[in-house]
PDB file of N, CA and C in Angstrom:
ATOM      1  N   MET A   1     103.521  89.815 -20.338  1.00  0.00           N
ATOM      2  CA  MET A   1     103.341  91.417 -21.027  1.00  0.00           C
ATOM      3  C   MET A   1     104.192  92.350 -20.230  1.00  0.00           C
ATOM      4  N   THR A   2     105.089  92.817 -21.344  1.00  0.00           N
ATOM      5  CA  THR A   2     105.879  94.015 -20.580  1.00  0.00           C
ATOM      6  C   THR A   2     105.425  95.685 -20.550  1.00  0.00           C
ATOM      7  N   ILE A   3     105.971  96.261 -20.057  1.00  0.00           N
ATOM      8  CA  ILE A   3     105.888  97.718 -20.286  1.00  0.00           C
ATOM      9  C   ILE A   3     107.106  98.754 -21.080  1.00  0.00           C
ATOM     10  N   LYS A   4     107.088  98.895 -21.944  1.00  0.00           N
ATOM     11  CA  LYS A   4     108.131  99.720 -22.435  1.00  0.00           C
ATOM     12  C   LYS A   4     108.587 100.912 -21.584  1.00  0.00           C
ATOM     13  N   LYS A   5     109.954 100.836 -21.586  1.00  0.00           N
ATOM     14  CA  LYS A   5     110.729 101.940 -20.447  1.00  0.00           C
ATOM     15  C   LYS A   5     110.094 103.494 -20.832  1.00  0.00           C
ATOM     16  N   THR A   6     109.989 103.733 -22.351  1.00  0.00           N
ATOM     17  CA  THR A   6     109.724 104.943 -22.281  1.00  0.00           C
ATOM     18  C   THR A   6     108.330 105.696 -22.096  1.00  0.00           C
ATOM     19  N   ILE A   7     107.311 104.562 -21.701  1.00  0.00           N
ATOM     20  CA  ILE A   7     105.855 105.030 -21.768  1.00  0.00           C
ATOM     21  C   ILE A   7     105.789 106.355 -20.768  1.00  0.00           C
ATOM     22  N   THR A   8     105.070 107.294 -21.095  1.00  0.00           N
ATOM     23  CA  THR A   8     105.012 108.465 -20.389  1.00  0.00           C
ATOM     24  C   THR A   8     103.951 108.126 -19.303  1.00  0.00           C
ATOM     25  N   TYR A   9     103.513 108.870 -18.457  1.00  0.00           N
ATOM     26  CA  TYR A   9     102.555 109.162 -17.512  1.00  0.00           C
ATOM     27  C   TYR A   9     101.123 108.902 -18.140  1.00  0.00           C
ATOM     28  N   THR A  10     100.873 110.113 -19.069  1.00  0.00           N
ATOM     29  CA  THR A  10      99.933 110.397 -19.755  1.00  0.00           C
ATOM     30  C   THR A  10      99.624 108.995 -20.862  1.00  0.00           C
ATOM     31  N   GLU A  11     100.338 108.348 -21.102  1.00  0.00           N
ATOM     32  CA  GLU A  11     100.297 107.220 -21.935  1.00  0.00           C
ATOM     33  C   GLU A  11      99.781 106.104 -21.356  1.00  0.00           C
ATOM     34  N   ALA A  12     100.431 106.100 -20.203  1.00  0.00           N
ATOM     35  CA  ALA A  12      99.774 104.685 -19.330  1.00  0.00           C
ATOM     36  C   ALA A  12      98.195 104.818 -18.892  1.00  0.00           C
ATOM     37  N   MET A  13      98.134 106.326 -18.074  1.00  0.00           N
ATOM     38  CA  MET A  13      96.619 106.501 -17.799  1.00  0.00           C
ATOM     39  C   MET A  13      95.768 106.428 -18.771  1.00  0.00           C
ATOM     40  N   THR A  14      96.497 107.161 -19.894  1.00  0.00           N
ATOM     41  CA  THR A  14      95.207 106.723 -21.071  1.00  0.00           C
ATOM     42  C   THR A  14      94.781 105.232 -21.323  1.00  0.00           C
ATOM     43  N   GLU A  15      96.053 104.462 -21.316  1.00  0.00           N
ATOM     44  CA  GLU A  15      95.436 103.019 -21.413  1.00  0.00           C
ATOM     45  C   GLU A  15      95.017 102.263 -20.522  1.00  0.00           C
ATOM     46  N   VAL A  16      95.013 102.625 -19.073  1.00  0.00           N
ATOM     47  CA  VAL A  16      94.551 102.370 -18.143  1.00  0.00           C
ATOM     48  C   VAL A  16      93.145 102.698 -18.415  1.00  0.00           C
ATOM     49  N   GLU A  17      92.857 103.962 -18.555  1.00  0.00           N
ATOM     50  CA  GLU A  17      91.434 104.204 -18.875  1.00  0.00           C
ATOM     51  C   GLU A  17      90.438 103.834 -20.129  1.00  0.00           C
ATOM     52  N   GLU A  18      91.619 103.181 -21.034  1.00  0.00           N
ATOM     53  CA  GLU A  18      90.772 102.519 -22.129  1.00  0.00           C
ATOM     54  C   GLU A  18      90.306 101.304 -21.791  1.00  0.00           C
ATOM     55  N   ILE A  19      91.203 100.801 -21.112  1.00  0.00           N
ATOM     56  CA  ILE A  19      91.036  99.200 -20.470  1.00  0.00           C
ATOM     57  C   ILE A  19      89.690  99.096 -19.640  1.00  0.00           C
ATOM     58  N   LEU A  20      89.443 100.193 -18.587  1.00  0.00           N
ATOM     59  CA  LEU A  20      88.649 100.140 -17.780  1.00  0.00           C
ATOM     60  C   LEU A  20      87.363 100.498 -18.201  1.00  0.00           C
ATOM     61  N   GLU A  21      87.436 101.135 -19.377  1.00  0.00           N
ATOM     62  CA  GLU A  21      86.048 101.382 -20.220  1.00  0.00           C
ATOM     63  C   GLU A  21      85.575 100.111 -20.720  1.00  0.00           C
ATOM     64  N   GLN A  22      86.850  99.286 -21.478  1.00  0.00           N
ATOM     65  CA  GLN A  22      86.310  98.184 -21.756  1.00  0.00           C
ATOM     66  C   GLN A  22      85.545  97.247 -20.930  1.00  0.00           C
ATOM     67  N   ILE A  23      86.233  96.987 -19.764  1.00  0.00           N
ATOM     68  CA  ILE A  23      85.595  96.251 -18.640  1.00  0.00           C
ATOM     69  C   ILE A  23      84.244  96.820 -18.209  1.00  0.00           C
ATOM     70  N   GLU A  24      84.164  98.087 -17.849  1.00  0.00           N
ATOM     71  CA  GLU A  24      82.554  98.317 -17.739  1.00  0.00           C
ATOM     72  C   GLU A  24      81.906  98.360 -18.749  1.00  0.00           C
ATOM     73  N   ASN A  25      82.265  98.184 -19.816  1.00  0.00           N
ATOM     74  CA  ASN A  25      81.307  98.091 -20.998  1.00  0.00           C
ATOM     75  C   ASN A  25      81.278  96.862 -21.590  1.00  0.00           C
ATOM     76  N   GLU A  26      81.693  95.927 -20.601  1.00  0.00           N
ATOM     77  CA  GLU A  26      81.839  94.672 -20.704  1.00  0.00           C
ATOM     78  C   GLU A  26      82.020  94.227 -22.399  1.00  0.00           C
ATOM     79  N   GLU A  27      83.013  94.818 -23.014  1.00  0.00           N
ATOM     80  CA  GLU A  27      83.751  94.120 -24.046  1.00  0.00           C
ATOM     81  C   GLU A  27      84.718  93.622 -24.144  1.00  0.00           C
ATOM     82  N   LEU A  28      85.210  92.987 -22.934  1.00  0.00           N
ATOM     83  CA  LEU A  28      86.442  92.130 -22.834  1.00  0.00           C
ATOM     84  C   LEU A  28      85.987  90.770 -22.663  1.00  0.00           C
ATOM     85  N   ASP A  29      86.388  89.716 -23.432  1.00  0.00           N
ATOM     86  CA  ASP A  29      86.140  88.451 -23.324  1.00  0.00           C
ATOM     87  C   ASP A  29      86.682  88.079 -21.819  1.00  0.00           C
ATOM     88  N   VAL A  30      86.177  86.744 -21.586  1.00  0.00           N
ATOM     89  CA  VAL A  30      86.763  86.658 -20.272  1.00  0.00           C
ATOM     90  C   VAL A  30      88.293  85.790 -20.162  1.00  0.00           C
ATOM     91  N   ASP A  31      88.448  85.097 -21.139  1.00  0.00           N
ATOM     92  CA  ASP A  31      89.616  84.860 -21.419  1.00  0.00           C
ATOM     93  C   ASP A  31      90.857  85.775 -21.467  1.00  0.00           C
ATOM     94  N   ASP A  32      90.320  87.512 -21.881  1.00  0.00           N
ATOM     95  CA  ASP A  32      91.294  88.393 -22.081  1.00  0.00           C
ATOM     96  C   ASP A  32      91.253  89.225 -20.466  1.00  0.00           C
ATOM     97  N   LEU A  33      90.453  88.877 -19.675  1.00  0.00           N
ATOM     98  CA  LEU A  33      89.998  89.697 -18.581  1.00  0.00           C
ATOM     99  C   LEU A  33      91.563  89.787 -17.469  1.00  0.00           C
ATOM    100  N   ALA A  34      91.988  88.613 -17.414  1.00  0.00           N
ATOM    101  CA  ALA A  34      93.101  88.226 -16.510  1.00  0.00           C
ATOM    102  C   ALA A  34      94.200  89.129 -16.895  1.00  0.00           C
ATOM    103  N   GLU A  35      94.475  88.671 -18.179  1.00  0.00           N
ATOM    104  CA  GLU A  35      95.457  89.577 -18.984  1.00  0.00           C
ATOM    105  C   GLU A  35      95.351  91.185 -18.931  1.00  0.00           C
ATOM    106  N   LYS A  36      93.701  91.537 -19.112  1.00  0.00           N
ATOM    107  CA  LYS A  36      94.282  93.213 -19.025  1.00  0.00           C
ATOM    108  C   LYS A  36      94.182  93.402 -17.444  1.00  0.00           C
ATOM    109  N   VAL A  37      93.796  92.939 -16.493  1.00  0.00           N
ATOM    110  CA  VAL A  37      93.992  93.405 -15.140  1.00  0.00           C
ATOM    111  C   VAL A  37      95.337  93.327 -14.873  1.00  0.00           C
ATOM    112  N   LYS A  38      96.188  92.371 -15.261  1.00  0.00           N
ATOM    113  CA  LYS A  38      97.493  92.223 -15.317  1.00  0.00           C
ATOM    114  C   LYS A  38      98.254  93.729 -15.857  1.00  0.00           C
ATOM    115  N   ARG A  39      97.749  93.969 -16.944  1.00  0.00           N
ATOM    116  CA  ARG A  39      98.423  94.806 -17.645  1.00  0.00           C
ATOM    117  C   ARG A  39      98.144  96.707 -16.931  1.00  0.00           C
ATOM    118  N   VAL A  40      96.922  96.468 -16.441  1.00  0.00           N
ATOM    119  CA  VAL A  40      96.227  97.645 -15.570  1.00  0.00           C
ATOM    120  C   VAL A  40      97.153  97.731 -14.244  1.00  0.00           C
ATOM    121  N   SER A  41      97.530  96.391 -13.770  1.00  0.00           N
ATOM    122  CA  SER A  41      98.400  96.965 -12.655  1.00  0.00           C
ATOM    123  C   SER A  41      99.939  96.721 -12.810  1.00  0.00           C
ATOM    124  N   VAL A  42     100.458  96.790 -13.595  1.00  0.00           N
ATOM    125  CA  VAL A  42     101.616  96.989 -14.479  1.00  0.00           C
ATOM    126  C   VAL A  42     101.620  98.660 -14.848  1.00  0.00           C
ATOM    127  N   LEU A  43     100.569  98.932 -15.296  1.00  0.00           N
ATOM    128  CA  LEU A  43     100.617 100.552 -15.543  1.00  0.00           C
ATOM    129  C   LEU A  43     100.539 101.406 -14.483  1.00  0.00           C
ATOM    130  N   LEU A  44      99.874 100.973 -13.566  1.00  0.00           N
ATOM    131  CA  LEU A  44      99.534 101.670 -12.123  1.00  0.00           C
ATOM    132  C   LEU A  44     100.775 101.628 -11.502  1.00  0.00           C
ATOM    133  N   LYS A  45     101.291 100.829 -11.403  1.00  0.00           N
ATOM    134  CA  LYS A  45     102.730 100.487 -10.890  1.00  0.00           C
ATOM    135  C   LYS A  45     103.922 101.959 -11.525  1.00  0.00           C
ATOM    136  N   THR A  46     103.838 101.584 -12.635  1.00  0.00           N
ATOM    137  CA  THR A  46     104.645 102.499 -13.501  1.00  0.00           C
ATOM    138  C   THR A  46     104.514 104.259 -13.186  1.00  0.00           C
ATOM    139  N   CYS A  47     103.207 104.119 -13.188  1.00  0.00           N
ATOM    140  CA  CYS A  47     102.743 106.112 -12.938  1.00  0.00           C
ATOM    141  C   CYS A  47     102.922 106.268 -11.505  1.00  0.00           C
ATOM    142  N   LYS A  48     102.781 105.048 -10.080  1.00  0.00           N
ATOM    143  CA  LYS A  48     103.030 105.281  -9.114  1.00  0.00           C
ATOM    144  C   LYS A  48     104.797 105.872  -9.011  1.00  0.00           C
ATOM    145  N   ASP A  49     105.243 105.061  -9.515  1.00  0.00           N
ATOM    146  CA  ASP A  49     107.041 105.136  -9.837  1.00  0.00           C
ATOM    147  C   ASP A  49     106.949 106.506 -10.283  1.00  0.00           C
ATOM    148  N   LYS A  50     106.877 106.937 -11.401  1.00  0.00           N
ATOM    149  CA  LYS A  50     107.173 108.145 -12.018  1.00  0.00           C
ATOM    150  C   LYS A  50     106.302 109.169 -11.024  1.00  0.00           C
ATOM    151  N   LEU A  51     105.338 109.314 -10.207  1.00  0.00           N
ATOM    152  CA  LEU A  51     104.505 110.297  -9.378  1.00  0.00           C
ATOM    153  C   LEU A  51     105.897 109.978  -8.134  1.00  0.00           C
ATOM    154  N   THR A  52     106.323 109.306  -7.691  1.00  0.00           N
ATOM    155  CA  THR A  52     107.275 109.057  -6.356  1.00  0.00           C
ATOM    156  C   THR A  52     108.826 109.687  -7.082  1.00  0.00           C
ATOM    157  N   LYS A  53     108.790 109.483  -8.232  1.00  0.00           N
ATOM    158  CA  LYS A  53     110.063 110.075  -8.502  1.00  0.00           C
ATOM    159  C   LYS A  53     110.018 111.802  -8.623  1.00  0.00           C
ATOM    160  N   THR A  54     109.129 112.232  -9.582  1.00  0.00           N
ATOM    161  CA  THR A  54     108.685 113.186  -9.704  1.00  0.00           C
ATOM    162  C   THR A  54     108.620 114.040  -8.017  1.00  0.00           C
ATOM    163  N   ASN A  55     107.886 113.872  -7.216  1.00  0.00           N
ATOM    164  CA  ASN A  55     107.970 114.372  -6.183  1.00  0.00           C
ATOM    165  C   ASN A  55     109.067 114.549  -5.383  1.00  0.00           C
ATOM    166  N   GLU A  56     110.048 113.180  -5.828  1.00  0.00           N
ATOM    167  CA  GLU A  56     111.682 113.635  -4.617  1.00  0.00           C
ATOM    168  C   GLU A  56     112.220 114.667  -5.542  1.00  0.00           C
ATOM    169  N   GLN A  57     112.338 114.855  -6.787  1.00  0.00           N
ATOM    170  CA  GLN A  57     112.644 115.674  -7.623  1.00  0.00           C
ATOM    171  C   GLN A  57     112.268 117.132  -7.464  1.00  0.00           C
ATOM    172  N   VAL A  58     111.001 117.469  -7.088  1.00  0.00           N
ATOM    173  CA  VAL A  58     110.475 118.758  -6.551  1.00  0.00           C
ATOM    174  C   VAL A  58     110.817 118.793  -5.539  1.00  0.00           C
ATOM    175  N   GLU A  59     111.166 118.296  -4.693  1.00  0.00           N
ATOM    176  CA  GLU A  59     111.516 118.484  -3.221  1.00  0.00           C
ATOM    177  C   GLU A  59     112.805 118.867  -3.328  1.00  0.00           C
ATOM    178  N   LEU A  60     113.620 118.266  -4.063  1.00  0.00           N
ATOM    179  CA  LEU A  60     115.236 118.252  -4.144  1.00  0.00           C
ATOM    180  C   LEU A  60     115.187 119.844  -4.630  1.00  0.00           C
ATOM    181  N   ILE A  61     114.638 120.056  -5.884  1.00  0.00           N
ATOM    182  CA  ILE A  61     114.721 121.649  -6.161  1.00  0.00           C
ATOM    183  C   ILE A  61     114.093 122.409  -5.184  1.00  0.00           C
ATOM    184  N   LEU A  62     112.991 122.354  -4.656  1.00  0.00           N
ATOM    185  CA  LEU A  62     112.512 122.938  -3.593  1.00  0.00           C
ATOM    186  C   LEU A  62     113.504 123.306  -2.382  1.00  0.00           C
ATOM    187  N   LYS A  63     114.356 122.408  -1.871  1.00  0.00           N
ATOM    188  CA  LYS A  63     115.428 122.531  -1.056  1.00  0.00           C
ATOM    189  C   LYS A  63     116.487 123.428  -1.510  1.00  0.00           C
ATOM    190  N   GLU A  64     117.041 123.029  -2.826  1.00  0.00           N
ATOM    191  CA  GLU A  64     118.214 123.638  -3.072  1.00  0.00           C
ATOM    192  C   GLU A  64     117.464 125.077  -3.221  1.00  0.00           C
ATOM    193  N   MET A  65     116.302 125.566  -3.530  1.00  0.00           N
ATOM    194  CA  MET A  65     115.827 126.889  -4.177  1.00  0.00           C
ATOM    195  C   MET A  65     115.626 127.697  -2.021  1.00  0.00           C
ATOM    196  N   GLU A  66     115.587 127.004  -1.413  1.00  0.00           N
ATOM    197  CA  GLU A  66     115.692 127.491   0.256  1.00  0.00           C
ATOM    198  C   GLU A  66     117.144 127.668   0.527  1.00  0.00           C
ATOM    199  N   GLU A  67     117.836 127.195   0.114  1.00  0.00           N
ATOM    200  CA  GLU A  67     119.547 127.643   0.269  1.00  0.00           C
ATOM    201  C   GLU A  67     119.994 128.730  -0.026  1.00  0.00           C
TER     202      GLU A  67
END
């Protein structure tokens, strides 16, 4: 299961929330559970990467403003 390169942070978090809701409501078949957990881990890594990149960009902009 691959994640599309152009997924936004909001789209990723929305999908994570939907999967977690399915898990909490016991809507997932046991056979699908491992796949969904794997998908959540990929989505969360993507979100973390986006947050890290954004933080670095903001720090660079702030540093440039100080000069």
